[in-house]
N, C-alpha and C. Protein backbone atom coordinates (compact mmCIF):
# COMPACT_ATOMS: atom_id res chain seq x y z
N MET A 1 15.44 5.79 -10.80
CA MET A 1 16.16 4.54 -10.91
C MET A 1 15.77 3.63 -9.75
N LEU A 2 15.47 2.41 -10.07
CA LEU A 2 15.04 1.44 -9.07
C LEU A 2 16.22 1.08 -8.16
N ASN A 3 16.02 1.28 -6.88
CA ASN A 3 17.03 0.98 -5.87
C ASN A 3 17.01 -0.53 -5.61
N SER A 4 17.96 -1.26 -6.21
CA SER A 4 17.93 -2.72 -6.13
C SER A 4 18.19 -3.22 -4.72
N GLU A 5 19.00 -2.52 -3.94
CA GLU A 5 19.24 -2.94 -2.56
C GLU A 5 17.95 -2.85 -1.74
N LEU A 6 17.24 -1.74 -1.89
CA LEU A 6 15.97 -1.58 -1.19
C LEU A 6 14.94 -2.59 -1.70
N LEU A 7 14.91 -2.81 -3.01
CA LEU A 7 14.00 -3.80 -3.59
C LEU A 7 14.26 -5.18 -2.98
N ASN A 8 15.50 -5.60 -2.90
CA ASN A 8 15.82 -6.91 -2.35
C ASN A 8 15.43 -7.00 -0.88
N GLU A 9 15.64 -5.94 -0.12
CA GLU A 9 15.25 -5.92 1.28
C GLU A 9 13.73 -6.08 1.42
N VAL A 10 12.99 -5.34 0.63
CA VAL A 10 11.53 -5.40 0.68
C VAL A 10 11.03 -6.76 0.23
N LYS A 11 11.60 -7.32 -0.84
CA LYS A 11 11.19 -8.64 -1.32
C LYS A 11 11.40 -9.70 -0.25
N LEU A 12 12.50 -9.63 0.47
CA LEU A 12 12.76 -10.58 1.55
C LEU A 12 11.69 -10.47 2.63
N LYS A 13 11.38 -9.25 3.01
CA LYS A 13 10.37 -9.03 4.05
C LYS A 13 8.99 -9.49 3.59
N LEU A 14 8.69 -9.33 2.30
CA LEU A 14 7.42 -9.82 1.76
C LEU A 14 7.36 -11.34 1.79
N SER A 15 8.47 -11.98 1.47
CA SER A 15 8.46 -13.44 1.36
C SER A 15 8.50 -14.13 2.72
N ASP A 16 9.19 -13.55 3.69
CA ASP A 16 9.31 -14.26 4.97
C ASP A 16 8.49 -13.64 6.10
N GLY A 17 7.75 -12.57 5.79
CA GLY A 17 6.89 -11.97 6.81
C GLY A 17 7.65 -11.27 7.93
N SER A 18 8.87 -10.84 7.65
CA SER A 18 9.71 -10.24 8.70
C SER A 18 9.61 -8.73 8.79
N ALA A 19 8.64 -8.15 8.11
CA ALA A 19 8.51 -6.68 8.15
C ALA A 19 8.24 -6.23 9.58
N ILE A 20 8.85 -5.12 9.91
CA ILE A 20 8.65 -4.54 11.24
C ILE A 20 7.93 -3.20 11.08
N PRO A 21 7.24 -2.76 12.13
CA PRO A 21 6.60 -1.45 12.05
C PRO A 21 7.61 -0.39 11.59
N GLY A 22 7.21 0.39 10.65
CA GLY A 22 8.10 1.41 10.09
C GLY A 22 8.61 1.06 8.71
N ASP A 23 8.54 -0.23 8.33
CA ASP A 23 8.99 -0.63 7.00
C ASP A 23 8.04 -0.16 5.90
N CYS A 24 6.89 0.40 6.30
CA CYS A 24 5.90 0.80 5.29
C CYS A 24 6.44 1.86 4.35
N LEU A 25 7.25 2.79 4.84
CA LEU A 25 7.79 3.81 3.94
C LEU A 25 8.76 3.22 2.92
N LYS A 26 9.48 2.18 3.31
CA LYS A 26 10.35 1.49 2.35
C LYS A 26 9.52 0.85 1.25
N LEU A 27 8.42 0.23 1.65
CA LEU A 27 7.56 -0.40 0.67
C LEU A 27 6.91 0.64 -0.23
N PHE A 28 6.44 1.75 0.35
CA PHE A 28 5.87 2.84 -0.46
C PHE A 28 6.88 3.32 -1.50
N GLU A 29 8.13 3.46 -1.10
CA GLU A 29 9.16 3.95 -2.02
C GLU A 29 9.36 2.96 -3.18
N ILE A 30 9.38 1.68 -2.87
CA ILE A 30 9.50 0.68 -3.94
C ILE A 30 8.27 0.70 -4.83
N TYR A 31 7.07 0.84 -4.24
CA TYR A 31 5.86 0.97 -5.05
C TYR A 31 6.01 2.13 -6.03
N LYS A 32 6.47 3.26 -5.53
CA LYS A 32 6.60 4.46 -6.37
C LYS A 32 7.61 4.21 -7.49
N GLN A 33 8.77 3.67 -7.13
CA GLN A 33 9.81 3.45 -8.13
C GLN A 33 9.37 2.46 -9.20
N ILE A 34 8.82 1.36 -8.76
CA ILE A 34 8.48 0.30 -9.73
C ILE A 34 7.29 0.71 -10.60
N SER A 35 6.34 1.45 -10.03
CA SER A 35 5.18 1.87 -10.84
C SER A 35 5.57 2.90 -11.89
N SER A 36 6.66 3.60 -11.65
CA SER A 36 7.13 4.59 -12.62
C SER A 36 8.05 3.99 -13.67
N GLU A 37 8.72 2.88 -13.34
CA GLU A 37 9.80 2.40 -14.18
C GLU A 37 9.60 1.03 -14.83
N HIS A 38 8.59 0.29 -14.42
CA HIS A 38 8.49 -1.09 -14.90
C HIS A 38 7.25 -1.27 -15.77
N ALA A 39 7.47 -1.43 -17.07
CA ALA A 39 6.36 -1.56 -18.02
C ALA A 39 5.54 -2.81 -17.74
N GLY A 40 6.16 -3.86 -17.24
CA GLY A 40 5.43 -5.09 -16.94
C GLY A 40 4.35 -4.88 -15.89
N LEU A 41 4.61 -4.00 -14.95
CA LEU A 41 3.61 -3.71 -13.92
C LEU A 41 2.43 -2.97 -14.53
N ARG A 42 2.72 -2.05 -15.41
CA ARG A 42 1.65 -1.32 -16.09
C ARG A 42 0.76 -2.29 -16.87
N GLU A 43 1.38 -3.26 -17.52
CA GLU A 43 0.61 -4.28 -18.24
C GLU A 43 -0.25 -5.08 -17.28
N GLU A 44 0.28 -5.39 -16.11
CA GLU A 44 -0.48 -6.12 -15.09
C GLU A 44 -1.70 -5.32 -14.66
N PHE A 45 -1.50 -4.03 -14.41
CA PHE A 45 -2.62 -3.17 -14.03
C PHE A 45 -3.65 -3.08 -15.16
N GLU A 46 -3.16 -3.02 -16.39
CA GLU A 46 -4.07 -2.95 -17.53
C GLU A 46 -4.88 -4.24 -17.64
N ASP A 47 -4.22 -5.38 -17.49
CA ASP A 47 -4.91 -6.67 -17.54
C ASP A 47 -6.00 -6.77 -16.48
N MET A 48 -5.79 -6.15 -15.34
CA MET A 48 -6.74 -6.23 -14.24
C MET A 48 -7.71 -5.04 -14.23
N ALA A 49 -7.71 -4.26 -15.31
CA ALA A 49 -8.60 -3.09 -15.45
C ALA A 49 -8.44 -2.12 -14.29
N MET A 50 -7.19 -1.90 -13.87
CA MET A 50 -6.93 -1.02 -12.74
C MET A 50 -6.38 0.34 -13.14
N LEU A 51 -6.13 0.55 -14.43
CA LEU A 51 -5.54 1.82 -14.85
C LEU A 51 -6.50 3.00 -14.69
N ASP A 52 -7.80 2.71 -14.62
CA ASP A 52 -8.78 3.77 -14.44
C ASP A 52 -9.01 4.11 -12.96
N MET A 53 -8.41 3.34 -12.08
CA MET A 53 -8.60 3.58 -10.65
C MET A 53 -7.95 4.90 -10.25
N ASP A 54 -8.63 5.62 -9.39
CA ASP A 54 -8.12 6.87 -8.84
C ASP A 54 -8.32 6.78 -7.33
N PHE A 55 -7.25 6.45 -6.62
CA PHE A 55 -7.33 6.20 -5.18
C PHE A 55 -6.42 7.18 -4.44
N LEU A 56 -6.95 7.76 -3.40
CA LEU A 56 -6.15 8.59 -2.51
C LEU A 56 -6.52 8.21 -1.09
N GLY A 57 -5.58 7.61 -0.40
CA GLY A 57 -5.83 7.14 0.95
C GLY A 57 -5.09 7.96 1.99
N GLN A 58 -5.81 8.26 3.06
CA GLN A 58 -5.21 8.92 4.23
C GLN A 58 -5.08 7.84 5.29
N ILE A 59 -3.89 7.61 5.76
CA ILE A 59 -3.63 6.59 6.76
C ILE A 59 -3.22 7.27 8.05
N ILE A 60 -3.95 7.00 9.10
CA ILE A 60 -3.65 7.59 10.41
C ILE A 60 -3.16 6.46 11.31
N ILE A 61 -1.94 6.61 11.77
CA ILE A 61 -1.33 5.61 12.65
C ILE A 61 -1.53 6.09 14.09
N SER A 62 -2.49 5.48 14.75
CA SER A 62 -2.96 5.98 16.04
C SER A 62 -1.91 5.87 17.15
N ASP A 63 -1.11 4.84 17.15
CA ASP A 63 -0.17 4.66 18.26
C ASP A 63 1.12 5.45 18.09
N GLU A 64 1.32 6.05 16.93
CA GLU A 64 2.53 6.85 16.71
C GLU A 64 2.22 8.28 16.32
N ASN A 65 0.93 8.62 16.31
CA ASN A 65 0.51 9.98 15.96
C ASN A 65 1.13 10.44 14.64
N LYS A 66 1.04 9.55 13.63
CA LYS A 66 1.58 9.85 12.30
C LYS A 66 0.47 9.73 11.28
N LYS A 67 0.65 10.44 10.19
CA LYS A 67 -0.28 10.37 9.07
C LYS A 67 0.52 10.20 7.79
N TYR A 68 0.03 9.29 6.96
CA TYR A 68 0.62 9.07 5.64
C TYR A 68 -0.50 9.17 4.61
N TRP A 69 -0.12 9.38 3.38
CA TRP A 69 -1.07 9.30 2.29
C TRP A 69 -0.47 8.44 1.19
N LEU A 70 -1.34 7.77 0.48
CA LEU A 70 -0.95 6.90 -0.62
C LEU A 70 -1.89 7.20 -1.79
N LYS A 71 -1.30 7.50 -2.93
CA LYS A 71 -2.07 7.84 -4.12
C LYS A 71 -1.77 6.82 -5.21
N PHE A 72 -2.82 6.41 -5.90
CA PHE A 72 -2.70 5.52 -7.03
C PHE A 72 -3.55 6.10 -8.15
N LYS A 73 -2.92 6.46 -9.24
CA LYS A 73 -3.64 7.03 -10.37
C LYS A 73 -2.90 6.65 -11.65
N GLU A 74 -3.66 6.16 -12.64
CA GLU A 74 -3.11 5.78 -13.94
C GLU A 74 -1.94 4.82 -13.81
N GLY A 75 -2.02 3.91 -12.82
CA GLY A 75 -1.00 2.89 -12.65
C GLY A 75 0.25 3.35 -11.94
N LYS A 76 0.25 4.56 -11.44
CA LYS A 76 1.43 5.09 -10.74
C LYS A 76 1.10 5.33 -9.27
N VAL A 77 2.09 5.11 -8.43
CA VAL A 77 1.95 5.27 -6.99
C VAL A 77 2.77 6.47 -6.53
N ASP A 78 2.20 7.22 -5.63
CA ASP A 78 2.92 8.28 -4.94
C ASP A 78 2.52 8.19 -3.47
N TYR A 79 3.31 8.78 -2.62
CA TYR A 79 3.05 8.71 -1.19
C TYR A 79 3.70 9.88 -0.49
N GLY A 80 3.36 10.06 0.76
CA GLY A 80 3.99 11.09 1.56
C GLY A 80 3.49 11.04 2.99
N GLU A 81 3.98 11.95 3.78
CA GLU A 81 3.55 12.07 5.16
C GLU A 81 2.68 13.31 5.28
N GLY A 82 1.74 13.26 6.22
CA GLY A 82 0.89 14.41 6.47
C GLY A 82 -0.53 14.19 6.00
N ASP A 83 -1.27 15.29 5.92
CA ASP A 83 -2.68 15.27 5.55
C ASP A 83 -2.87 15.44 4.05
N VAL A 84 -3.99 14.91 3.55
CA VAL A 84 -4.42 15.13 2.18
C VAL A 84 -5.85 15.66 2.21
N THR A 85 -6.24 16.29 1.14
CA THR A 85 -7.59 16.83 1.02
C THR A 85 -8.45 15.86 0.22
N ASN A 86 -9.65 15.61 0.70
CA ASN A 86 -10.64 14.77 0.03
C ASN A 86 -10.14 13.37 -0.35
N PRO A 87 -9.64 12.61 0.63
CA PRO A 87 -9.22 11.24 0.30
C PRO A 87 -10.43 10.37 -0.03
N SER A 88 -10.21 9.38 -0.89
CA SER A 88 -11.28 8.43 -1.17
C SER A 88 -11.44 7.45 0.00
N LEU A 89 -10.42 7.34 0.82
CA LEU A 89 -10.45 6.49 2.00
C LEU A 89 -9.57 7.11 3.06
N ALA A 90 -10.09 7.17 4.27
CA ALA A 90 -9.28 7.56 5.43
C ALA A 90 -9.42 6.43 6.43
N PHE A 91 -8.30 5.86 6.82
CA PHE A 91 -8.44 4.82 7.82
C PHE A 91 -7.40 4.96 8.91
N THR A 92 -7.80 4.46 10.07
CA THR A 92 -7.00 4.57 11.28
C THR A 92 -6.69 3.17 11.79
N THR A 93 -5.44 2.99 12.16
CA THR A 93 -5.00 1.72 12.73
C THR A 93 -3.69 1.95 13.46
N ASN A 94 -3.15 0.92 14.07
CA ASN A 94 -1.83 1.07 14.69
C ASN A 94 -0.76 0.65 13.69
N MET A 95 0.48 0.97 13.99
CA MET A 95 1.58 0.73 13.04
C MET A 95 1.78 -0.75 12.75
N ALA A 96 1.66 -1.59 13.76
CA ALA A 96 1.87 -3.03 13.54
C ALA A 96 0.81 -3.59 12.58
N THR A 97 -0.44 -3.20 12.76
CA THR A 97 -1.51 -3.67 11.88
C THR A 97 -1.31 -3.12 10.47
N PHE A 98 -0.98 -1.84 10.36
CA PHE A 98 -0.77 -1.24 9.04
C PHE A 98 0.37 -1.94 8.30
N THR A 99 1.46 -2.20 8.99
CA THR A 99 2.59 -2.88 8.37
C THR A 99 2.16 -4.28 7.91
N GLY A 100 1.40 -4.98 8.74
CA GLY A 100 0.90 -6.30 8.36
C GLY A 100 0.00 -6.26 7.14
N ILE A 101 -0.86 -5.24 7.06
CA ILE A 101 -1.74 -5.08 5.90
C ILE A 101 -0.91 -4.85 4.64
N LEU A 102 0.03 -3.93 4.71
CA LEU A 102 0.84 -3.62 3.53
C LEU A 102 1.67 -4.81 3.06
N PHE A 103 2.24 -5.54 4.02
CA PHE A 103 3.11 -6.64 3.66
C PHE A 103 2.36 -7.96 3.47
N GLY A 104 1.03 -7.89 3.53
CA GLY A 104 0.21 -9.05 3.20
C GLY A 104 0.07 -10.11 4.27
N THR A 105 0.46 -9.83 5.50
CA THR A 105 0.29 -10.82 6.56
C THR A 105 -1.03 -10.64 7.30
N ILE A 106 -1.71 -9.52 7.06
CA ILE A 106 -3.01 -9.24 7.66
C ILE A 106 -3.95 -8.80 6.55
N GLU A 107 -5.12 -9.41 6.48
CA GLU A 107 -6.11 -8.99 5.49
C GLU A 107 -6.90 -7.81 6.06
N ILE A 108 -7.04 -6.78 5.26
CA ILE A 108 -7.65 -5.55 5.73
C ILE A 108 -9.09 -5.74 6.21
N SER A 109 -9.86 -6.57 5.51
CA SER A 109 -11.25 -6.79 5.93
C SER A 109 -11.30 -7.51 7.27
N GLY A 110 -10.42 -8.47 7.48
CA GLY A 110 -10.36 -9.17 8.76
C GLY A 110 -9.95 -8.24 9.89
N ALA A 111 -9.01 -7.34 9.61
CA ALA A 111 -8.57 -6.36 10.62
C ALA A 111 -9.72 -5.42 10.97
N HIS A 112 -10.51 -5.07 9.96
CA HIS A 112 -11.66 -4.20 10.22
C HIS A 112 -12.69 -4.93 11.08
N GLU A 113 -12.99 -6.16 10.73
CA GLU A 113 -13.95 -6.95 11.51
C GLU A 113 -13.49 -7.14 12.95
N ALA A 114 -12.18 -7.25 13.15
CA ALA A 114 -11.63 -7.43 14.50
C ALA A 114 -11.57 -6.12 15.28
N GLY A 115 -11.89 -5.01 14.62
CA GLY A 115 -11.84 -3.71 15.28
C GLY A 115 -10.47 -3.07 15.30
N ASP A 116 -9.53 -3.63 14.51
CA ASP A 116 -8.17 -3.10 14.47
C ASP A 116 -8.01 -1.98 13.45
N VAL A 117 -9.01 -1.78 12.60
CA VAL A 117 -9.00 -0.74 11.58
C VAL A 117 -10.37 -0.07 11.59
N SER A 118 -10.38 1.25 11.60
CA SER A 118 -11.62 1.98 11.38
C SER A 118 -11.41 2.84 10.14
N PHE A 119 -12.49 3.09 9.41
CA PHE A 119 -12.32 3.85 8.18
C PHE A 119 -13.51 4.72 7.87
N ASP A 120 -13.24 5.79 7.12
CA ASP A 120 -14.25 6.66 6.54
C ASP A 120 -14.09 6.56 5.04
N GLY A 121 -15.17 6.31 4.37
CA GLY A 121 -15.14 6.10 2.93
C GLY A 121 -15.84 4.78 2.65
N GLY A 122 -16.10 4.53 1.43
CA GLY A 122 -16.81 3.31 1.07
C GLY A 122 -15.95 2.07 1.27
N SER A 123 -16.60 0.96 1.53
CA SER A 123 -15.86 -0.30 1.68
C SER A 123 -15.18 -0.66 0.36
N GLU A 124 -15.71 -0.15 -0.76
CA GLU A 124 -15.06 -0.38 -2.05
C GLU A 124 -13.65 0.24 -2.07
N ALA A 125 -13.50 1.42 -1.48
CA ALA A 125 -12.18 2.07 -1.42
C ALA A 125 -11.23 1.25 -0.55
N LEU A 126 -11.75 0.65 0.51
CA LEU A 126 -10.93 -0.20 1.36
C LEU A 126 -10.43 -1.41 0.57
N MET A 127 -11.31 -1.99 -0.22
CA MET A 127 -10.91 -3.13 -1.05
C MET A 127 -9.98 -2.70 -2.19
N ASP A 128 -10.14 -1.47 -2.68
CA ASP A 128 -9.21 -0.94 -3.68
C ASP A 128 -7.80 -0.91 -3.12
N LEU A 129 -7.66 -0.44 -1.88
CA LEU A 129 -6.34 -0.40 -1.25
C LEU A 129 -5.75 -1.80 -1.19
N GLN A 130 -6.55 -2.77 -0.77
CA GLN A 130 -6.04 -4.14 -0.69
C GLN A 130 -5.67 -4.66 -2.07
N ALA A 131 -6.47 -4.36 -3.09
CA ALA A 131 -6.18 -4.83 -4.45
C ALA A 131 -4.88 -4.22 -4.97
N ILE A 132 -4.72 -2.93 -4.77
CA ILE A 132 -3.51 -2.24 -5.24
C ILE A 132 -2.27 -2.83 -4.59
N THR A 133 -2.28 -2.95 -3.26
CA THR A 133 -1.10 -3.46 -2.57
C THR A 133 -0.85 -4.93 -2.90
N SER A 134 -1.92 -5.70 -3.09
CA SER A 134 -1.77 -7.11 -3.42
C SER A 134 -1.11 -7.30 -4.79
N VAL A 135 -1.60 -6.55 -5.79
CA VAL A 135 -1.01 -6.66 -7.13
C VAL A 135 0.45 -6.21 -7.11
N LEU A 136 0.72 -5.11 -6.44
CA LEU A 136 2.10 -4.62 -6.35
C LEU A 136 3.00 -5.63 -5.65
N ASN A 137 2.54 -6.17 -4.53
CA ASN A 137 3.37 -7.12 -3.78
C ASN A 137 3.61 -8.40 -4.56
N ASP A 138 2.57 -8.91 -5.24
CA ASP A 138 2.76 -10.10 -6.07
C ASP A 138 3.75 -9.84 -7.19
N PHE A 139 3.64 -8.68 -7.81
CA PHE A 139 4.56 -8.33 -8.90
C PHE A 139 5.99 -8.23 -8.37
N LEU A 140 6.17 -7.61 -7.22
CA LEU A 140 7.51 -7.47 -6.64
C LEU A 140 8.16 -8.83 -6.38
N GLN A 141 7.37 -9.78 -5.95
CA GLN A 141 7.91 -11.10 -5.63
C GLN A 141 8.40 -11.83 -6.89
N ASN A 142 7.92 -11.42 -8.04
CA ASN A 142 8.25 -12.12 -9.27
C ASN A 142 9.24 -11.40 -10.17
N ILE A 143 9.82 -10.32 -9.70
CA ILE A 143 10.83 -9.65 -10.54
C ILE A 143 12.21 -9.89 -9.97
């Protein structure tokens, strides 16, 4: 069941840029809930030919010694803490940059060029992450 209180909190942070480091797990939870429960989002992914994407990202937060993973497969999102095996992308950044990337205030390619993000995996996987989060965030703003 979609947590409407959490959804409203996340939507506010997306619209006004007020996300703080640590809000990423709240956003991941909304991604998971909405990708499982909202047919309109599935249609959006289908329109953008994203249903065939199979993404598994390992996120290493260097300043907090934390690891997260984010999975996107068949239009559904899952996430967790810890290590994953054989990610399509592993990237390292600090919590403030990661939060900015997720909430759309920092573009991942610009953060990489500035040296704020390092990654292992193809640059295509890095752009996949940005595409997935961008579509999800845009969809969230309109529901």
